[in-house]
Amino acid sequence: MAEESHASAGGLFESLRTLSVSLVSIVHTRLELLSTDIAEEREHLISHLVLVLVALFCIGVGVVLLAILIVVVFWESHRLLALGGLTGFFLAAGAGSAWLAIHKARTKPRLFAASLAELSKDKHKLKAES
């Protein structure tokens, strides 16, 4: 009888130890996935930021030079029309770009979507098992 309680106690402690090892392993895996998501998002953001800054600089210089060229070409005949047309064009392009940036910010996929999906699966599995 004493051997049975000792065996079942050892079995209980062994089960608890196995359960705790499994839980720690699950948490470790999920944290690794989360850290990978963070690293990928950071790299994605940095590369986009660099590309956007280079593009903005180049486009900005090109636009200023184009505007100067157009005004110089029409200086004698229609300088006010050229300046007004360029002003309207730049205002429309700026408004369109602002709208596009707001739209992209609102429709951006959720951060850590893969991690959250895996945690949700884990939660549902644990609820089903209990």
N, C-alpha and C. Protein backbone atom coordinates (compact mmCIF):
# COMPACT_ATOMS: atom_id res chain seq x y z
N MET A 1 0.82 -1.19 0.00
CA MET A 1 0.00 0.00 0.00
C MET A 1 0.85 1.24 0.00
N ALA A 2 1.92 1.22 0.82
CA ALA A 2 2.81 2.37 0.88
C ALA A 2 3.54 2.54 -0.44
N GLU A 3 3.85 1.39 -1.09
CA GLU A 3 4.53 1.48 -2.38
C GLU A 3 3.62 2.09 -3.43
N GLU A 4 2.30 1.80 -3.38
CA GLU A 4 1.36 2.36 -4.34
C GLU A 4 1.27 3.88 -4.21
N SER A 5 1.18 4.38 -2.96
CA SER A 5 1.09 5.83 -2.77
C SER A 5 2.40 6.49 -3.18
N HIS A 6 3.53 5.82 -2.92
CA HIS A 6 4.82 6.37 -3.33
C HIS A 6 4.92 6.40 -4.85
N ALA A 7 4.45 5.35 -5.51
CA ALA A 7 4.49 5.29 -6.98
C ALA A 7 3.56 6.32 -7.58
N SER A 8 2.35 6.46 -7.00
CA SER A 8 1.43 7.45 -7.55
C SER A 8 1.91 8.86 -7.27
N ALA A 9 2.55 9.06 -6.10
CA ALA A 9 3.09 10.39 -5.80
C ALA A 9 4.24 10.71 -6.75
N GLY A 10 5.09 9.71 -6.98
CA GLY A 10 6.17 9.91 -7.94
C GLY A 10 5.61 10.16 -9.33
N GLY A 11 4.54 9.47 -9.66
CA GLY A 11 3.89 9.66 -10.95
C GLY A 11 3.27 11.05 -11.05
N LEU A 12 2.68 11.52 -9.96
CA LEU A 12 2.07 12.84 -9.94
C LEU A 12 3.14 13.92 -10.09
N PHE A 13 4.22 13.78 -9.30
CA PHE A 13 5.30 14.77 -9.41
C PHE A 13 5.97 14.73 -10.78
N GLU A 14 6.10 13.52 -11.30
CA GLU A 14 6.68 13.39 -12.65
C GLU A 14 5.77 14.04 -13.69
N SER A 15 4.47 13.85 -13.54
CA SER A 15 3.52 14.48 -14.46
C SER A 15 3.57 15.99 -14.35
N LEU A 16 3.63 16.50 -13.13
CA LEU A 16 3.73 17.95 -12.94
C LEU A 16 5.03 18.50 -13.53
N ARG A 17 6.12 17.76 -13.34
CA ARG A 17 7.40 18.19 -13.89
C ARG A 17 7.34 18.21 -15.43
N THR A 18 6.76 17.16 -16.00
CA THR A 18 6.62 17.09 -17.46
C THR A 18 5.72 18.21 -17.97
N LEU A 19 4.65 18.49 -17.24
CA LEU A 19 3.75 19.57 -17.62
C LEU A 19 4.46 20.92 -17.56
N SER A 20 5.23 21.13 -16.49
CA SER A 20 5.93 22.41 -16.37
C SER A 20 7.00 22.55 -17.45
N VAL A 21 7.69 21.47 -17.77
CA VAL A 21 8.68 21.52 -18.85
C VAL A 21 7.98 21.83 -20.17
N SER A 22 6.83 21.24 -20.40
CA SER A 22 6.08 21.50 -21.64
C SER A 22 5.63 22.95 -21.70
N LEU A 23 5.12 23.47 -20.59
CA LEU A 23 4.67 24.86 -20.56
C LEU A 23 5.83 25.83 -20.81
N VAL A 24 6.95 25.56 -20.17
CA VAL A 24 8.12 26.41 -20.37
C VAL A 24 8.58 26.33 -21.83
N SER A 25 8.53 25.15 -22.40
CA SER A 25 8.91 24.98 -23.80
C SER A 25 7.97 25.76 -24.73
N ILE A 26 6.67 25.70 -24.44
CA ILE A 26 5.69 26.43 -25.25
C ILE A 26 5.92 27.93 -25.14
N VAL A 27 6.12 28.41 -23.92
CA VAL A 27 6.37 29.84 -23.72
C VAL A 27 7.66 30.26 -24.42
N HIS A 28 8.68 29.43 -24.32
CA HIS A 28 9.96 29.73 -24.97
C HIS A 28 9.79 29.84 -26.49
N THR A 29 9.07 28.88 -27.07
CA THR A 29 8.84 28.89 -28.51
C THR A 29 8.06 30.13 -28.93
N ARG A 30 7.05 30.48 -28.16
CA ARG A 30 6.24 31.66 -28.50
C ARG A 30 7.04 32.94 -28.36
N LEU A 31 7.91 33.02 -27.36
CA LEU A 31 8.75 34.20 -27.22
C LEU A 31 9.76 34.31 -28.35
N GLU A 32 10.29 33.17 -28.79
CA GLU A 32 11.19 33.19 -29.94
C GLU A 32 10.46 33.67 -31.19
N LEU A 33 9.23 33.22 -31.38
CA LEU A 33 8.43 33.66 -32.52
C LEU A 33 8.15 35.15 -32.42
N LEU A 34 7.84 35.62 -31.24
CA LEU A 34 7.58 37.04 -31.04
C LEU A 34 8.82 37.87 -31.31
N SER A 35 9.97 37.42 -30.84
CA SER A 35 11.21 38.17 -31.08
C SER A 35 11.56 38.17 -32.57
N THR A 36 11.26 37.07 -33.25
CA THR A 36 11.49 37.03 -34.70
C THR A 36 10.57 38.01 -35.41
N ASP A 37 9.31 38.07 -34.98
CA ASP A 37 8.37 39.03 -35.57
C ASP A 37 8.84 40.47 -35.35
N ILE A 38 9.33 40.75 -34.16
CA ILE A 38 9.81 42.10 -33.87
C ILE A 38 11.01 42.44 -34.74
N ALA A 39 11.94 41.51 -34.85
CA ALA A 39 13.14 41.75 -35.67
C ALA A 39 12.77 41.95 -37.14
N GLU A 40 11.85 41.12 -37.65
CA GLU A 40 11.43 41.27 -39.04
C GLU A 40 10.74 42.61 -39.27
N GLU A 41 9.89 43.01 -38.35
CA GLU A 41 9.18 44.28 -38.48
C GLU A 41 10.16 45.45 -38.43
N ARG A 42 11.16 45.37 -37.55
CA ARG A 42 12.16 46.44 -37.45
C ARG A 42 12.96 46.56 -38.76
N GLU A 43 13.40 45.43 -39.28
CA GLU A 43 14.14 45.45 -40.54
C GLU A 43 13.28 45.97 -41.68
N HIS A 44 12.04 45.57 -41.70
CA HIS A 44 11.10 46.02 -42.73
C HIS A 44 10.94 47.53 -42.64
N LEU A 45 10.76 48.04 -41.44
CA LEU A 45 10.58 49.48 -41.23
C LEU A 45 11.82 50.26 -41.62
N ILE A 46 12.99 49.79 -41.25
CA ILE A 46 14.23 50.49 -41.57
C ILE A 46 14.45 50.53 -43.08
N SER A 47 14.25 49.41 -43.75
CA SER A 47 14.46 49.40 -45.20
C SER A 47 13.48 50.32 -45.91
N HIS A 48 12.22 50.32 -45.46
CA HIS A 48 11.24 51.22 -46.06
C HIS A 48 11.58 52.68 -45.79
N LEU A 49 12.01 52.97 -44.59
CA LEU A 49 12.36 54.35 -44.25
C LEU A 49 13.52 54.85 -45.10
N VAL A 50 14.54 54.04 -45.28
CA VAL A 50 15.68 54.44 -46.11
C VAL A 50 15.23 54.66 -47.56
N LEU A 51 14.45 53.73 -48.09
CA LEU A 51 13.98 53.87 -49.47
C LEU A 51 13.10 55.10 -49.64
N VAL A 52 12.24 55.35 -48.68
CA VAL A 52 11.36 56.52 -48.76
C VAL A 52 12.18 57.81 -48.69
N LEU A 53 13.16 57.87 -47.82
CA LEU A 53 13.98 59.08 -47.72
C LEU A 53 14.78 59.34 -48.99
N VAL A 54 15.35 58.31 -49.56
CA VAL A 54 16.10 58.47 -50.81
C VAL A 54 15.16 58.90 -51.93
N ALA A 55 14.00 58.26 -52.01
CA ALA A 55 13.02 58.61 -53.05
C ALA A 55 12.54 60.04 -52.87
N LEU A 56 12.23 60.44 -51.65
CA LEU A 56 11.77 61.81 -51.41
C LEU A 56 12.83 62.84 -51.77
N PHE A 57 14.07 62.57 -51.43
CA PHE A 57 15.14 63.50 -51.77
C PHE A 57 15.27 63.65 -53.28
N CYS A 58 15.33 62.52 -53.98
CA CYS A 58 15.50 62.57 -55.44
C CYS A 58 14.30 63.21 -56.12
N ILE A 59 13.12 62.85 -55.71
CA ILE A 59 11.92 63.44 -56.31
C ILE A 59 11.83 64.92 -55.97
N GLY A 60 12.18 65.29 -54.76
CA GLY A 60 12.15 66.69 -54.37
C GLY A 60 13.09 67.55 -55.21
N VAL A 61 14.31 67.08 -55.40
CA VAL A 61 15.27 67.82 -56.23
C VAL A 61 14.77 67.89 -57.67
N GLY A 62 14.26 66.78 -58.18
CA GLY A 62 13.75 66.76 -59.55
C GLY A 62 12.56 67.68 -59.74
N VAL A 63 11.67 67.72 -58.79
CA VAL A 63 10.48 68.57 -58.88
C VAL A 63 10.87 70.05 -58.83
N VAL A 64 11.77 70.39 -57.94
CA VAL A 64 12.22 71.79 -57.87
C VAL A 64 12.87 72.21 -59.19
N LEU A 65 13.73 71.37 -59.73
CA LEU A 65 14.38 71.70 -61.00
C LEU A 65 13.37 71.77 -62.16
N LEU A 66 12.39 70.88 -62.18
CA LEU A 66 11.35 70.92 -63.21
C LEU A 66 10.51 72.18 -63.09
N ALA A 67 10.16 72.55 -61.87
CA ALA A 67 9.37 73.77 -61.67
C ALA A 67 10.15 75.00 -62.13
N ILE A 68 11.42 75.06 -61.81
CA ILE A 68 12.24 76.19 -62.27
C ILE A 68 12.32 76.20 -63.79
N LEU A 69 12.50 75.04 -64.40
CA LEU A 69 12.57 74.95 -65.86
C LEU A 69 11.29 75.44 -66.50
N ILE A 70 10.15 75.00 -66.00
CA ILE A 70 8.88 75.40 -66.59
C ILE A 70 8.66 76.90 -66.44
N VAL A 71 8.96 77.46 -65.28
CA VAL A 71 8.79 78.89 -65.07
C VAL A 71 9.73 79.67 -65.99
N VAL A 72 10.95 79.22 -66.15
CA VAL A 72 11.91 79.93 -67.03
C VAL A 72 11.44 79.87 -68.48
N VAL A 73 10.92 78.71 -68.91
CA VAL A 73 10.46 78.58 -70.29
C VAL A 73 9.30 79.53 -70.56
N PHE A 74 8.38 79.67 -69.64
CA PHE A 74 7.20 80.52 -69.84
C PHE A 74 7.35 81.91 -69.21
N TRP A 75 8.55 82.33 -68.88
CA TRP A 75 8.76 83.61 -68.19
C TRP A 75 8.24 84.79 -69.01
N GLU A 76 8.47 84.81 -70.28
CA GLU A 76 8.09 85.95 -71.11
C GLU A 76 6.60 85.97 -71.45
N SER A 77 5.98 84.81 -71.61
CA SER A 77 4.60 84.80 -72.10
C SER A 77 3.56 84.50 -71.01
N HIS A 78 3.71 83.42 -70.29
CA HIS A 78 2.66 82.98 -69.35
C HIS A 78 3.25 82.57 -68.00
N ARG A 79 4.03 83.41 -67.39
CA ARG A 79 4.68 83.04 -66.13
C ARG A 79 3.68 82.81 -65.00
N LEU A 80 2.62 83.62 -64.90
CA LEU A 80 1.62 83.43 -63.84
C LEU A 80 0.83 82.13 -64.06
N LEU A 81 0.52 81.83 -65.30
CA LEU A 81 -0.17 80.58 -65.60
C LEU A 81 0.70 79.38 -65.24
N ALA A 82 1.99 79.47 -65.57
CA ALA A 82 2.92 78.38 -65.24
C ALA A 82 3.05 78.22 -63.73
N LEU A 83 3.20 79.32 -63.01
CA LEU A 83 3.32 79.23 -61.55
C LEU A 83 2.02 78.71 -60.92
N GLY A 84 0.86 79.18 -61.40
CA GLY A 84 -0.42 78.71 -60.87
C GLY A 84 -0.65 77.23 -61.17
N GLY A 85 -0.31 76.81 -62.38
CA GLY A 85 -0.48 75.40 -62.75
C GLY A 85 0.41 74.48 -61.92
N LEU A 86 1.66 74.90 -61.73
CA LEU A 86 2.56 74.09 -60.92
C LEU A 86 2.12 74.05 -59.46
N THR A 87 1.63 75.18 -58.96
CA THR A 87 1.14 75.21 -57.58
C THR A 87 -0.04 74.26 -57.41
N GLY A 88 -0.98 74.30 -58.33
CA GLY A 88 -2.14 73.40 -58.27
C GLY A 88 -1.73 71.95 -58.36
N PHE A 89 -0.79 71.66 -59.26
CA PHE A 89 -0.32 70.29 -59.41
C PHE A 89 0.33 69.78 -58.13
N PHE A 90 1.20 70.57 -57.51
CA PHE A 90 1.89 70.15 -56.30
C PHE A 90 0.93 70.00 -55.12
N LEU A 91 -0.05 70.89 -55.03
CA LEU A 91 -1.04 70.77 -53.97
C LEU A 91 -1.88 69.50 -54.15
N ALA A 92 -2.28 69.20 -55.37
CA ALA A 92 -3.05 67.99 -55.64
C ALA A 92 -2.21 66.74 -55.37
N ALA A 93 -0.96 66.75 -55.79
CA ALA A 93 -0.08 65.60 -55.54
C ALA A 93 0.15 65.41 -54.05
N GLY A 94 0.33 66.50 -53.31
CA GLY A 94 0.52 66.41 -51.86
C GLY A 94 -0.72 65.86 -51.17
N ALA A 95 -1.90 66.34 -51.59
CA ALA A 95 -3.14 65.85 -50.99
C ALA A 95 -3.35 64.36 -51.31
N GLY A 96 -3.06 63.96 -52.54
CA GLY A 96 -3.18 62.55 -52.91
C GLY A 96 -2.21 61.68 -52.13
N SER A 97 -1.00 62.15 -51.94
CA SER A 97 -0.01 61.39 -51.18
C SER A 97 -0.42 61.27 -49.72
N ALA A 98 -0.93 62.36 -49.15
CA ALA A 98 -1.38 62.32 -47.76
C ALA A 98 -2.53 61.33 -47.60
N TRP A 99 -3.48 61.34 -48.54
CA TRP A 99 -4.60 60.40 -48.48
C TRP A 99 -4.09 58.96 -48.57
N LEU A 100 -3.14 58.70 -49.49
CA LEU A 100 -2.60 57.35 -49.65
C LEU A 100 -1.87 56.89 -48.38
N ALA A 101 -1.11 57.79 -47.76
CA ALA A 101 -0.40 57.44 -46.52
C ALA A 101 -1.39 57.10 -45.40
N ILE A 102 -2.46 57.88 -45.27
CA ILE A 102 -3.46 57.62 -44.25
C ILE A 102 -4.16 56.29 -44.53
N HIS A 103 -4.48 56.05 -45.79
CA HIS A 103 -5.15 54.80 -46.17
C HIS A 103 -4.27 53.59 -45.85
N LYS A 104 -2.98 53.67 -46.18
CA LYS A 104 -2.06 52.56 -45.90
C LYS A 104 -1.88 52.35 -44.40
N ALA A 105 -1.86 53.44 -43.64
CA ALA A 105 -1.71 53.31 -42.19
C ALA A 105 -2.93 52.63 -41.57
N ARG A 106 -4.11 52.92 -42.11
CA ARG A 106 -5.33 52.33 -41.56
C ARG A 106 -5.51 50.87 -41.98
N THR A 107 -5.01 50.47 -43.14
CA THR A 107 -5.21 49.11 -43.64
C THR A 107 -3.98 48.22 -43.43
N LYS A 108 -3.03 48.68 -42.64
CA LYS A 108 -1.82 47.91 -42.36
C LYS A 108 -2.19 46.63 -41.61
N PRO A 109 -1.56 45.51 -41.97
CA PRO A 109 -1.85 44.28 -41.23
C PRO A 109 -1.43 44.41 -39.77
N ARG A 110 -2.06 43.64 -38.94
CA ARG A 110 -1.83 43.69 -37.51
C ARG A 110 -0.42 43.25 -37.17
N LEU A 111 0.20 43.96 -36.23
CA LEU A 111 1.55 43.62 -35.78
C LEU A 111 1.47 42.33 -34.96
N PHE A 112 2.43 41.45 -35.14
CA PHE A 112 2.52 40.17 -34.44
C PHE A 112 1.34 39.26 -34.76
N ALA A 113 0.84 39.30 -35.97
CA ALA A 113 -0.32 38.48 -36.34
C ALA A 113 -0.01 36.99 -36.20
N ALA A 114 1.16 36.56 -36.62
CA ALA A 114 1.52 35.13 -36.53
C ALA A 114 1.63 34.70 -35.07
N SER A 115 2.24 35.51 -34.24
CA SER A 115 2.37 35.17 -32.82
C SER A 115 1.01 35.09 -32.15
N LEU A 116 0.17 36.06 -32.44
CA LEU A 116 -1.17 36.06 -31.84
C LEU A 116 -1.99 34.86 -32.31
N ALA A 117 -1.84 34.47 -33.56
CA ALA A 117 -2.57 33.30 -34.06
C ALA A 117 -2.11 32.03 -33.36
N GLU A 118 -0.80 31.88 -33.16
CA GLU A 118 -0.28 30.70 -32.48
C GLU A 118 -0.72 30.67 -31.02
N LEU A 119 -0.70 31.82 -30.35
CA LEU A 119 -1.16 31.87 -28.97
C LEU A 119 -2.64 31.54 -28.86
N SER A 120 -3.40 31.99 -29.84
CA SER A 120 -4.83 31.68 -29.85
C SER A 120 -5.06 30.17 -30.03
N LYS A 121 -4.28 29.55 -30.91
CA LYS A 121 -4.37 28.09 -31.10
C LYS A 121 -4.03 27.37 -29.80
N ASP A 122 -2.97 27.83 -29.13
CA ASP A 122 -2.58 27.22 -27.86
C ASP A 122 -3.70 27.34 -26.83
N LYS A 123 -4.32 28.51 -26.76
CA LYS A 123 -5.39 28.73 -25.80
C LYS A 123 -6.57 27.79 -26.08
N HIS A 124 -6.93 27.67 -27.35
CA HIS A 124 -8.05 26.79 -27.70
C HIS A 124 -7.73 25.32 -27.41
N LYS A 125 -6.48 24.91 -27.66
CA LYS A 125 -6.09 23.53 -27.36
C LYS A 125 -6.13 23.26 -25.87
N LEU A 126 -5.64 24.22 -25.08
CA LEU A 126 -5.64 24.04 -23.63
C LEU A 126 -7.08 24.01 -23.09
N LYS A 127 -7.96 24.81 -23.64
CA LYS A 127 -9.36 24.78 -23.21
C LYS A 127 -10.02 23.46 -23.58
N ALA A 128 -9.69 22.93 -24.75
CA ALA A 128 -10.29 21.67 -25.21
C ALA A 128 -9.80 20.50 -24.35
N GLU A 129 -8.54 20.57 -23.91
CA GLU A 129 -7.99 19.48 -23.11
C GLU A 129 -8.51 19.48 -21.68
N SER A 130 -8.90 20.65 -21.16
CA SER A 130 -9.34 20.68 -19.76
C SER A 130 -10.79 20.38 -19.60
